[in-house]
Amino acid sequence: MSKSVSKVVLAYSGGLDTSAIVPWLKENYDCEVVAFVADVGQGEEELAGVEEKALASGASSCFIADLKDKFVKEVIFPTLKTGAIYEGQYLLGTALARPIIAQAQVEIARKVGADALAHGCTGKGNDQVRFESCFAALAPDLQVIAPWREWNLRSRPQLLAYLAERKIPCAASATKIYSRDANLWHISTEGGELEDPWNAPSEQVWSWTAEPEQAPDEAQYLTLSFNKGEWVALNDKAIEPVDAIAQLNEIAGKHGVGRLDMVENRLVGMKSRGCYETPAGTVLYAALQGLESLVLDRATQDYRIRLGNEFAQLLYDGRWFTPLRDVMLAATTKLAEPLSGDIVVKLYKGQVTVTQKRSPNSLYSNAFATFDEDEVYNQKHAEGFIRLYSLASRIRSLQQKGEGSS
């Protein structure tokens, strides 16, 4: 509690934590609390009655911002083109949403004349870093309040008792098996049996995807079309990005595609285990990788892979609003210029497989690659290439045998 606060904008979800944070802020900072809710595609269930909950908790007002379209066009699609995958597995569903939420929260704070921002992130996780790094870049003059780093409430029963004492209604129960975070791109699940990495996830962990063994016995084929790395059509029909991702989540989820059970390295230093479901993202990444294999030369593809790894780290670490992000996305835009074409994917029993690919910018030439007789490649020329390519190894071997000349 570093200085006095008159009005604070709280990133509010309507869950137990943020329901308790509203009265806590009023009591401990003697301030007005404005609730801010970001609709990033988490679903109508989570948003139902959220304004009423905020006001019942003591908020003076509640703003709900529909960020889905902006989320897709300004964050998901640009990141997709980079090929960013954290630690070779995670498609960054939670990290992707944080910059767009933090930016909108700052805009609301400016609109209502707030002098502080607050969030419900714990002191153990990545999200506190992500939110506060965005706040630092966008609104360094605003104070940031993180109740989980200040209060002495440490458990769900304590939070429920705190609300009950103040006669604030809350539908949460004392026992909550899992912690979930959902948006248009993915849903994550942590806690419960997942806290022991020796425990396999039970079926109740998964929300969006079918058990692969129970998925349809007949494969489904989809055609995805891209223009300069942007997804533009599904089965030859132009897409509206938000609806298309939701539709693809449903289609791929039905086939059990997009499950990930991962132990990852958090930014704050500890390891954590999460189960992630990203059906549409898994299909789109596979399709774009198939297209890249057709149109990018080896050196360019190697660079794109390195850039993707670096961008994944940047995004995971909450450094979206930085000059480095601008530079990396500019490079990605250039790299994606030839990524136009069609990809056919097969969805079957938890797997997505690229089966067909075509592009007007394809570097694949049957005339060169054929095993049959051709008139464009003289195989005798390979001997000189190999001798030059392996020259260093040849010289080293001769020196070791004492046969090299000085």
Protein backbone atom coordinates (compact mmCIF):
# COMPACT_ATOMS: atom_id res chain seq x y z
CA MET A 1 0.00 0.00 0.00
CA SER A 2 2.49 2.55 -1.24
CA LYS A 3 0.27 5.62 -1.67
CA SER A 4 -3.31 6.75 -1.46
CA VAL A 5 -5.67 5.69 -4.21
CA SER A 6 -9.00 7.26 -5.09
CA LYS A 7 -10.16 5.06 -7.96
CA VAL A 8 -8.86 1.67 -9.15
CA VAL A 9 -9.78 -0.40 -12.20
CA LEU A 10 -9.76 -4.10 -11.37
CA ALA A 11 -9.41 -6.88 -13.96
CA TYR A 12 -12.51 -8.76 -12.88
CA SER A 13 -13.71 -12.26 -13.79
CA GLY A 14 -16.58 -12.83 -11.38
CA GLY A 15 -14.79 -15.73 -9.73
CA LEU A 16 -14.04 -16.15 -6.05
CA ASP A 17 -10.73 -14.28 -6.03
CA THR A 18 -11.84 -11.11 -7.77
CA SER A 19 -15.17 -11.12 -5.88
CA ALA A 20 -13.15 -10.87 -2.66
CA ILE A 21 -10.73 -8.34 -4.10
CA VAL A 22 -13.47 -5.74 -4.67
CA PRO A 23 -14.39 -5.29 -0.98
CA TRP A 24 -10.77 -5.77 0.08
CA LEU A 25 -9.66 -2.85 -2.08
CA LYS A 26 -12.42 -0.63 -0.71
CA GLU A 27 -11.55 -1.48 2.90
CA ASN A 28 -7.77 -1.30 2.61
CA TYR A 29 -7.38 1.57 0.15
CA ASP A 30 -10.60 3.46 0.87
CA CYS A 31 -11.14 3.82 -2.85
CA GLU A 32 -13.76 3.45 -5.56
CA VAL A 33 -13.49 0.17 -7.46
CA VAL A 34 -14.38 -0.06 -11.14
CA ALA A 35 -14.66 -3.61 -12.47
CA PHE A 36 -13.33 -4.38 -15.93
CA VAL A 37 -14.28 -7.60 -17.72
CA ALA A 38 -12.54 -8.69 -20.93
CA ASP A 39 -14.50 -10.87 -23.31
CA VAL A 40 -11.77 -12.82 -25.10
CA GLY A 41 -14.04 -15.69 -26.06
CA GLN A 42 -14.19 -17.52 -22.71
CA GLY A 43 -17.86 -18.28 -23.34
CA GLU A 44 -21.30 -17.06 -22.36
CA GLU A 45 -21.36 -19.21 -19.22
CA GLU A 46 -18.45 -17.34 -17.67
CA LEU A 47 -19.84 -13.95 -18.65
CA ALA A 48 -23.43 -14.59 -17.55
CA GLY A 49 -24.42 -12.19 -14.78
CA VAL A 50 -20.89 -10.89 -14.35
CA GLU A 51 -21.95 -7.23 -14.14
CA GLU A 52 -24.48 -8.00 -11.42
CA LYS A 53 -21.83 -9.95 -9.49
CA ALA A 54 -19.40 -7.04 -9.68
CA LEU A 55 -21.94 -4.54 -8.41
CA ALA A 56 -23.07 -6.92 -5.64
CA SER A 57 -19.43 -7.20 -4.55
CA GLY A 58 -19.21 -3.43 -4.15
CA ALA A 59 -17.93 -2.18 -7.49
CA SER A 60 -19.25 1.25 -8.48
CA SER A 61 -19.55 0.19 -12.12
CA CYS A 62 -18.59 -2.61 -14.48
CA PHE A 63 -17.28 -2.32 -18.03
CA ILE A 64 -17.40 -5.34 -20.34
CA ALA A 65 -15.18 -5.06 -23.42
CA ASP A 66 -15.66 -7.36 -26.41
CA LEU A 67 -12.06 -7.99 -27.44
CA LYS A 68 -12.52 -11.16 -29.50
CA ASP A 69 -12.03 -9.63 -32.94
CA LYS A 70 -9.04 -7.58 -31.79
CA PHE A 71 -7.61 -10.63 -30.02
CA VAL A 72 -7.62 -12.64 -33.24
CA LYS A 73 -6.47 -9.98 -35.68
CA GLU A 74 -3.85 -8.22 -33.54
CA VAL A 75 -2.47 -11.08 -31.46
CA ILE A 76 -3.45 -14.62 -32.56
CA PHE A 77 -2.94 -14.32 -36.31
CA PRO A 78 0.36 -12.39 -36.12
CA THR A 79 1.70 -14.86 -33.56
CA LEU A 80 0.53 -17.81 -35.64
CA LYS A 81 2.68 -16.60 -38.54
CA THR A 82 5.76 -16.59 -36.32
CA GLY A 83 5.27 -20.28 -35.52
CA ALA A 84 5.75 -19.49 -31.81
CA ILE A 85 5.58 -22.61 -29.61
CA TYR A 86 6.90 -22.41 -26.05
CA GLU A 87 9.33 -25.17 -25.07
CA GLY A 88 8.40 -27.07 -28.23
CA GLN A 89 4.86 -27.83 -27.06
CA TYR A 90 2.74 -25.00 -25.66
CA LEU A 91 0.72 -22.86 -28.08
CA LEU A 92 0.65 -19.99 -25.57
CA GLY A 93 -3.10 -19.73 -25.08
CA THR A 94 -3.02 -17.90 -21.75
CA ALA A 95 -0.05 -15.68 -22.62
CA LEU A 96 -1.67 -14.62 -25.91
CA ALA A 97 -4.66 -13.03 -24.22
CA ARG A 98 -2.85 -10.99 -21.57
CA PRO A 99 -1.55 -8.07 -23.70
CA ILE A 100 -4.95 -7.33 -25.21
CA ILE A 101 -6.64 -7.50 -21.78
CA ALA A 102 -4.05 -5.27 -20.11
CA GLN A 103 -4.27 -2.71 -22.92
CA ALA A 104 -8.06 -2.50 -22.64
CA GLN A 105 -7.82 -2.22 -18.85
CA VAL A 106 -5.52 0.78 -19.19
CA GLU A 107 -7.92 2.37 -21.68
CA ILE A 108 -10.79 2.02 -19.19
CA ALA A 109 -8.60 3.48 -16.45
CA ARG A 110 -7.91 6.53 -18.61
CA LYS A 111 -11.60 6.83 -19.47
CA VAL A 112 -12.80 6.85 -15.86
CA GLY A 113 -9.88 8.86 -14.46
CA ALA A 114 -8.47 6.08 -12.29
CA ASP A 115 -5.13 6.41 -10.55
CA ALA A 116 -4.51 2.69 -10.04
CA LEU A 117 -4.85 -0.72 -11.66
CA ALA A 118 -5.42 -4.04 -9.88
CA HIS A 119 -5.33 -7.71 -10.84
CA GLY A 120 -6.02 -11.04 -9.19
CA CYS A 121 -2.82 -12.84 -10.21
CA THR A 122 -0.99 -14.80 -7.55
CA GLY A 123 2.60 -14.14 -6.55
CA LYS A 124 3.70 -17.52 -7.91
CA GLY A 125 2.59 -17.28 -11.51
CA ASN A 126 3.53 -15.79 -14.85
CA ASP A 127 0.47 -13.59 -15.25
CA GLN A 128 1.51 -11.04 -12.63
CA VAL A 129 4.63 -10.37 -14.71
CA ARG A 130 2.68 -10.22 -17.96
CA PHE A 131 0.07 -7.78 -16.69
CA GLU A 132 2.47 -5.53 -14.87
CA SER A 133 4.97 -5.45 -17.74
CA CYS A 134 2.15 -4.28 -20.00
CA PHE A 135 1.07 -1.70 -17.41
CA ALA A 136 4.66 -0.43 -17.18
CA ALA A 137 4.82 0.04 -20.95
CA LEU A 138 1.38 1.62 -21.33
CA ALA A 139 0.70 3.46 -18.07
CA PRO A 140 3.81 3.81 -15.88
CA ASP A 141 2.12 6.63 -13.96
CA LEU A 142 -0.62 4.38 -12.58
CA GLN A 143 -0.12 2.51 -9.32
CA VAL A 144 -0.48 -1.28 -9.53
CA ILE A 145 -2.14 -3.22 -6.73
CA ALA A 146 -1.70 -6.99 -6.48
CA PRO A 147 -3.78 -8.19 -3.49
CA TRP A 148 -2.35 -11.71 -3.52
CA ARG A 149 1.02 -10.17 -2.64
CA GLU A 150 -0.46 -8.08 0.17
CA TRP A 151 -3.36 -9.74 1.95
CA ASN A 152 -3.28 -12.59 4.46
CA LEU A 153 -6.02 -14.65 2.78
CA ARG A 154 -4.48 -17.91 1.62
CA SER A 155 -7.24 -20.43 0.88
CA ARG A 156 -10.68 -20.79 -0.68
CA PRO A 157 -12.37 -21.31 2.70
CA GLN A 158 -10.79 -18.07 3.95
CA LEU A 159 -11.97 -16.17 0.88
CA LEU A 160 -15.49 -17.59 1.22
CA ALA A 161 -15.57 -16.67 4.92
CA TYR A 162 -14.37 -13.16 4.07
CA LEU A 163 -17.27 -12.72 1.63
CA ALA A 164 -19.80 -14.31 4.00
CA GLU A 165 -18.84 -11.89 6.78
CA ARG A 166 -19.69 -9.03 4.44
CA LYS A 167 -22.87 -10.70 3.15
CA ILE A 168 -21.56 -10.66 -0.41
CA PRO A 169 -23.13 -13.47 -2.49
CA CYS A 170 -20.81 -15.97 -4.18
CA ALA A 171 -21.65 -19.20 -5.97
CA ALA A 172 -18.20 -20.71 -5.39
CA SER A 173 -17.77 -23.69 -3.06
CA ALA A 174 -15.04 -24.48 -0.55
CA THR A 175 -13.74 -27.30 -2.72
CA LYS A 176 -12.58 -26.58 -6.23
CA ILE A 177 -10.80 -29.38 -8.02
CA TYR A 178 -9.26 -27.42 -10.89
CA SER A 179 -8.15 -23.94 -11.87
CA ARG A 180 -9.16 -23.19 -15.45
CA ASP A 181 -8.50 -20.34 -17.85
CA ALA A 182 -10.36 -20.16 -21.15
CA ASN A 183 -10.38 -17.90 -24.16
CA LEU A 184 -11.16 -18.23 -27.85
CA TRP A 185 -7.80 -19.94 -28.51
CA HIS A 186 -7.59 -22.49 -25.69
CA ILE A 187 -8.56 -23.71 -22.25
CA SER A 188 -6.01 -24.58 -19.57
CA THR A 189 -6.53 -26.77 -16.52
CA GLU A 190 -4.30 -26.94 -13.43
CA GLY A 191 -4.61 -28.30 -9.90
CA GLY A 192 -6.30 -31.40 -8.54
CA GLU A 193 -4.55 -34.64 -9.43
CA LEU A 194 -2.35 -32.71 -11.88
CA GLU A 195 -0.24 -31.38 -9.01
CA ASP A 196 1.45 -34.79 -8.91
CA PRO A 197 3.14 -35.38 -12.29
CA TRP A 198 2.96 -39.15 -11.68
CA ASN A 199 -0.85 -38.96 -11.88
CA ALA A 200 -2.31 -39.32 -15.32
CA PRO A 201 -5.04 -36.75 -16.01
CA SER A 202 -8.54 -38.08 -15.44
CA GLU A 203 -11.12 -37.59 -18.15
CA GLN A 204 -12.79 -34.77 -16.20
CA VAL A 205 -9.66 -32.65 -16.81
CA TRP A 206 -10.57 -32.26 -20.49
CA SER A 207 -13.32 -29.83 -21.48
CA TRP A 208 -13.08 -29.20 -25.21
CA THR A 209 -11.67 -32.39 -26.67
CA ALA A 210 -12.92 -35.96 -26.93
CA GLU A 211 -10.88 -38.86 -25.61
CA PRO A 212 -9.02 -39.91 -28.79
CA GLU A 213 -10.02 -43.56 -28.36
CA GLN A 214 -13.67 -42.45 -28.24
CA ALA A 215 -13.38 -40.06 -31.19
CA PRO A 216 -15.12 -40.90 -34.50
CA ASP A 217 -13.83 -43.97 -36.30
CA GLU A 218 -13.98 -42.13 -39.62
CA ALA A 219 -11.37 -39.50 -40.42
CA GLN A 220 -12.39 -35.99 -41.41
CA TYR A 221 -10.55 -33.95 -44.03
CA LEU A 222 -10.43 -30.16 -44.09
CA THR A 223 -8.98 -27.74 -46.64
CA LEU A 224 -7.42 -24.62 -45.16
CA SER A 225 -6.40 -21.75 -47.43
CA PHE A 226 -3.83 -19.09 -46.58
CA ASN A 227 -2.80 -15.76 -48.06
CA LYS A 228 0.60 -14.44 -46.93
CA GLY A 229 0.36 -16.56 -43.81
CA GLU A 230 -3.17 -15.43 -42.93
CA TRP A 231 -5.92 -18.03 -42.73
CA VAL A 232 -8.57 -16.91 -45.24
CA ALA A 233 -10.80 -19.90 -46.09
CA LEU A 234 -12.07 -23.20 -44.71
CA ASN A 235 -13.21 -25.77 -47.25
CA ASP A 236 -13.12 -23.05 -49.93
CA LYS A 237 -15.42 -20.72 -47.97
CA ALA A 238 -14.13 -17.34 -46.79
CA ILE A 239 -13.86 -17.15 -43.01
CA GLU A 240 -14.81 -14.62 -40.37
CA PRO A 241 -11.85 -15.14 -38.01
CA VAL A 242 -13.59 -15.30 -34.62
CA ASP A 243 -16.38 -17.62 -35.77
CA ALA A 244 -13.94 -19.72 -37.80
CA ILE A 245 -11.69 -20.40 -34.81
CA ALA A 246 -14.71 -21.36 -32.71
CA GLN A 247 -15.93 -23.65 -35.49
CA LEU A 248 -12.52 -25.25 -35.95
CA ASN A 249 -12.21 -25.78 -32.19
CA GLU A 250 -15.46 -27.73 -32.28
CA ILE A 251 -14.55 -29.80 -35.34
CA ALA A 252 -11.02 -30.69 -34.21
CA GLY A 253 -12.08 -31.16 -30.59
CA LYS A 254 -14.60 -33.78 -31.66
CA HIS A 255 -11.67 -35.77 -33.05
CA GLY A 256 -9.61 -35.40 -29.86
CA VAL A 257 -7.11 -33.07 -31.53
CA GLY A 258 -5.23 -30.48 -29.49
CA ARG A 259 -4.56 -32.07 -26.08
CA LEU A 260 -1.32 -31.34 -24.23
CA ASP A 261 -0.19 -32.48 -20.78
CA MET A 262 2.96 -30.49 -20.00
CA VAL A 263 5.38 -29.63 -17.22
CA GLU A 264 6.75 -26.22 -18.12
CA ASN A 265 9.30 -23.77 -16.76
CA ARG A 266 7.56 -20.70 -15.41
CA LEU A 267 9.15 -17.29 -15.78
CA VAL A 268 9.34 -16.94 -11.98
CA GLY A 269 11.59 -20.02 -11.76
CA MET A 270 9.41 -22.92 -10.67
CA LYS A 271 8.02 -25.74 -12.75
CA SER A 272 4.29 -26.17 -13.15
CA ARG A 273 2.05 -28.72 -14.78
CA GLY A 274 -0.87 -27.81 -16.96
CA CYS A 275 -3.22 -29.56 -19.34
CA TYR A 276 -3.98 -27.46 -22.39
CA GLU A 277 -6.56 -27.89 -25.12
CA THR A 278 -5.98 -25.93 -28.33
CA PRO A 279 -7.84 -27.77 -31.11
CA ALA A 280 -8.02 -25.04 -33.75
CA GLY A 281 -4.51 -23.83 -32.99
CA THR A 282 -3.06 -27.32 -33.36
CA VAL A 283 -4.65 -27.68 -36.80
CA LEU A 284 -3.59 -24.22 -37.97
CA TYR A 285 0.02 -24.68 -36.84
CA ALA A 286 0.23 -28.02 -38.64
CA ALA A 287 -1.22 -26.53 -41.81
CA LEU A 288 1.14 -23.55 -41.82
CA GLN A 289 4.14 -25.78 -41.20
CA GLY A 290 3.07 -27.89 -44.16
CA LEU A 291 2.87 -24.78 -46.32
CA GLU A 292 6.26 -23.55 -45.12
CA SER A 293 7.87 -26.84 -46.10
CA LEU A 294 6.67 -26.24 -49.64
CA VAL A 295 7.62 -22.59 -50.18
CA LEU A 296 10.54 -21.67 -47.90
CA ASP A 297 14.13 -22.55 -48.74
CA ARG A 298 16.17 -24.26 -46.05
CA ALA A 299 18.00 -21.20 -44.73
CA THR A 300 14.80 -19.16 -44.57
CA GLN A 301 12.90 -21.95 -42.86
CA ASP A 302 15.69 -22.39 -40.30
CA TYR A 303 15.56 -18.68 -39.53
CA ARG A 304 11.77 -18.74 -39.21
CA ILE A 305 12.07 -21.58 -36.68
CA ARG A 306 14.62 -19.62 -34.62
CA LEU A 307 12.45 -16.52 -34.77
CA GLY A 308 9.43 -18.55 -33.67
CA ASN A 309 11.29 -19.87 -30.64
CA GLU A 310 12.42 -16.38 -29.67
CA PHE A 311 8.94 -14.94 -30.17
CA ALA A 312 7.44 -17.68 -28.00
CA GLN A 313 9.82 -16.67 -25.20
CA LEU A 314 9.00 -12.99 -25.67
CA LEU A 315 5.27 -13.67 -25.49
CA TYR A 316 5.51 -16.09 -22.56
CA ASP A 317 7.57 -13.54 -20.62
CA GLY A 318 5.07 -10.71 -21.13
CA ARG A 319 7.19 -8.49 -23.38
CA TRP A 320 4.49 -7.76 -25.98
CA PHE A 321 4.65 -3.96 -25.79
CA THR A 322 8.34 -3.67 -26.63
CA PRO A 323 10.34 -2.54 -29.66
CA LEU A 324 11.62 -6.11 -30.03
CA ARG A 325 8.08 -7.35 -30.64
CA ASP A 326 7.67 -4.80 -33.44
CA VAL A 327 10.93 -5.84 -35.06
CA MET A 328 10.15 -9.55 -34.88
CA LEU A 329 6.66 -9.15 -36.32
CA ALA A 330 8.05 -7.03 -39.13
CA ALA A 331 10.46 -9.84 -39.99
CA THR A 332 7.62 -12.35 -39.77
CA THR A 333 5.47 -10.34 -42.17
CA LYS A 334 8.28 -10.45 -44.72
CA LEU A 335 8.90 -14.16 -44.17
CA ALA A 336 5.18 -14.88 -44.64
CA GLU A 337 4.87 -13.17 -48.03
CA PRO A 338 5.13 -16.44 -50.00
CA LEU A 339 2.87 -18.39 -47.59
CA SER A 340 -0.15 -18.57 -49.87
CA GLY A 341 -1.83 -21.80 -50.86
CA ASP A 342 -4.06 -24.66 -49.79
CA ILE A 343 -3.44 -27.39 -47.25
CA VAL A 344 -5.55 -30.49 -46.66
CA VAL A 345 -5.42 -31.93 -43.15
CA LYS A 346 -6.71 -35.25 -41.84
CA LEU A 347 -8.25 -35.33 -38.34
CA TYR A 348 -8.33 -38.76 -36.76
CA LYS A 349 -8.16 -40.10 -33.20
CA GLY A 350 -6.28 -37.17 -31.65
CA GLN A 351 -3.94 -36.60 -34.59
CA VAL A 352 -3.78 -33.95 -37.29
CA THR A 353 -1.85 -34.90 -40.43
CA VAL A 354 -1.12 -32.83 -43.51
CA THR A 355 -2.03 -34.96 -46.53
CA GLN A 356 -1.98 -32.49 -49.44
CA LYS A 357 -0.35 -29.15 -50.11
CA ARG A 358 -0.14 -26.71 -53.01
CA SER A 359 1.02 -23.15 -53.54
CA PRO A 360 1.70 -20.84 -56.47
CA ASN A 361 5.01 -20.10 -54.71
CA SER A 362 6.05 -23.72 -54.30
CA LEU A 363 9.79 -24.42 -54.59
CA TYR A 364 9.14 -28.09 -55.10
CA SER A 365 9.93 -29.22 -58.62
CA ASN A 366 9.13 -32.75 -59.73
CA ALA A 367 11.52 -32.25 -62.62
CA PHE A 368 14.40 -31.97 -60.14
CA ALA A 369 13.20 -34.34 -57.42
CA THR A 370 12.09 -37.27 -59.60
CA PHE A 371 13.86 -40.63 -59.34
CA ASP A 372 13.16 -41.17 -63.02
CA GLU A 373 15.31 -39.88 -65.84
CA ASP A 374 15.44 -36.11 -66.09
CA GLU A 375 17.12 -33.44 -68.21
CA VAL A 376 17.65 -30.73 -65.59
CA TYR A 377 20.04 -32.32 -63.12
CA ASN A 378 23.33 -34.05 -63.92
CA GLN A 379 24.06 -36.41 -61.05
CA LYS A 380 27.77 -36.35 -61.88
CA HIS A 381 27.89 -32.75 -60.62
CA ALA A 382 27.19 -33.99 -57.08
CA GLU A 383 30.73 -35.37 -56.76
CA GLY A 384 32.36 -31.93 -56.87
CA PHE A 385 29.81 -30.54 -54.44
CA ILE A 386 30.44 -33.33 -51.94
CA ARG A 387 34.23 -32.92 -52.15
CA LEU A 388 33.96 -29.21 -51.39
CA TYR A 389 31.29 -29.72 -48.74
CA SER A 390 33.43 -32.26 -46.88
CA LEU A 391 36.79 -30.55 -47.52
CA ALA A 392 37.36 -29.54 -43.88
CA SER A 393 36.79 -33.11 -42.70
CA ARG A 394 39.14 -34.42 -45.37
CA ILE A 395 41.94 -31.97 -44.40
CA ARG A 396 41.55 -32.74 -40.70
CA SER A 397 41.76 -36.48 -41.30
CA LEU A 398 44.87 -36.11 -43.46
CA GLN A 399 46.57 -33.94 -40.83
CA GLN A 400 45.80 -36.43 -38.09
CA LYS A 401 47.42 -39.15 -40.18
CA GLY A 402 50.45 -36.94 -40.81
CA GLU A 403 49.80 -36.77 -44.50
CA GLY A 404 48.91 -33.10 -44.72
CA SER A 405 51.35 -30.64 -46.22
CA SER A 406 52.43 -27.43 -44.49
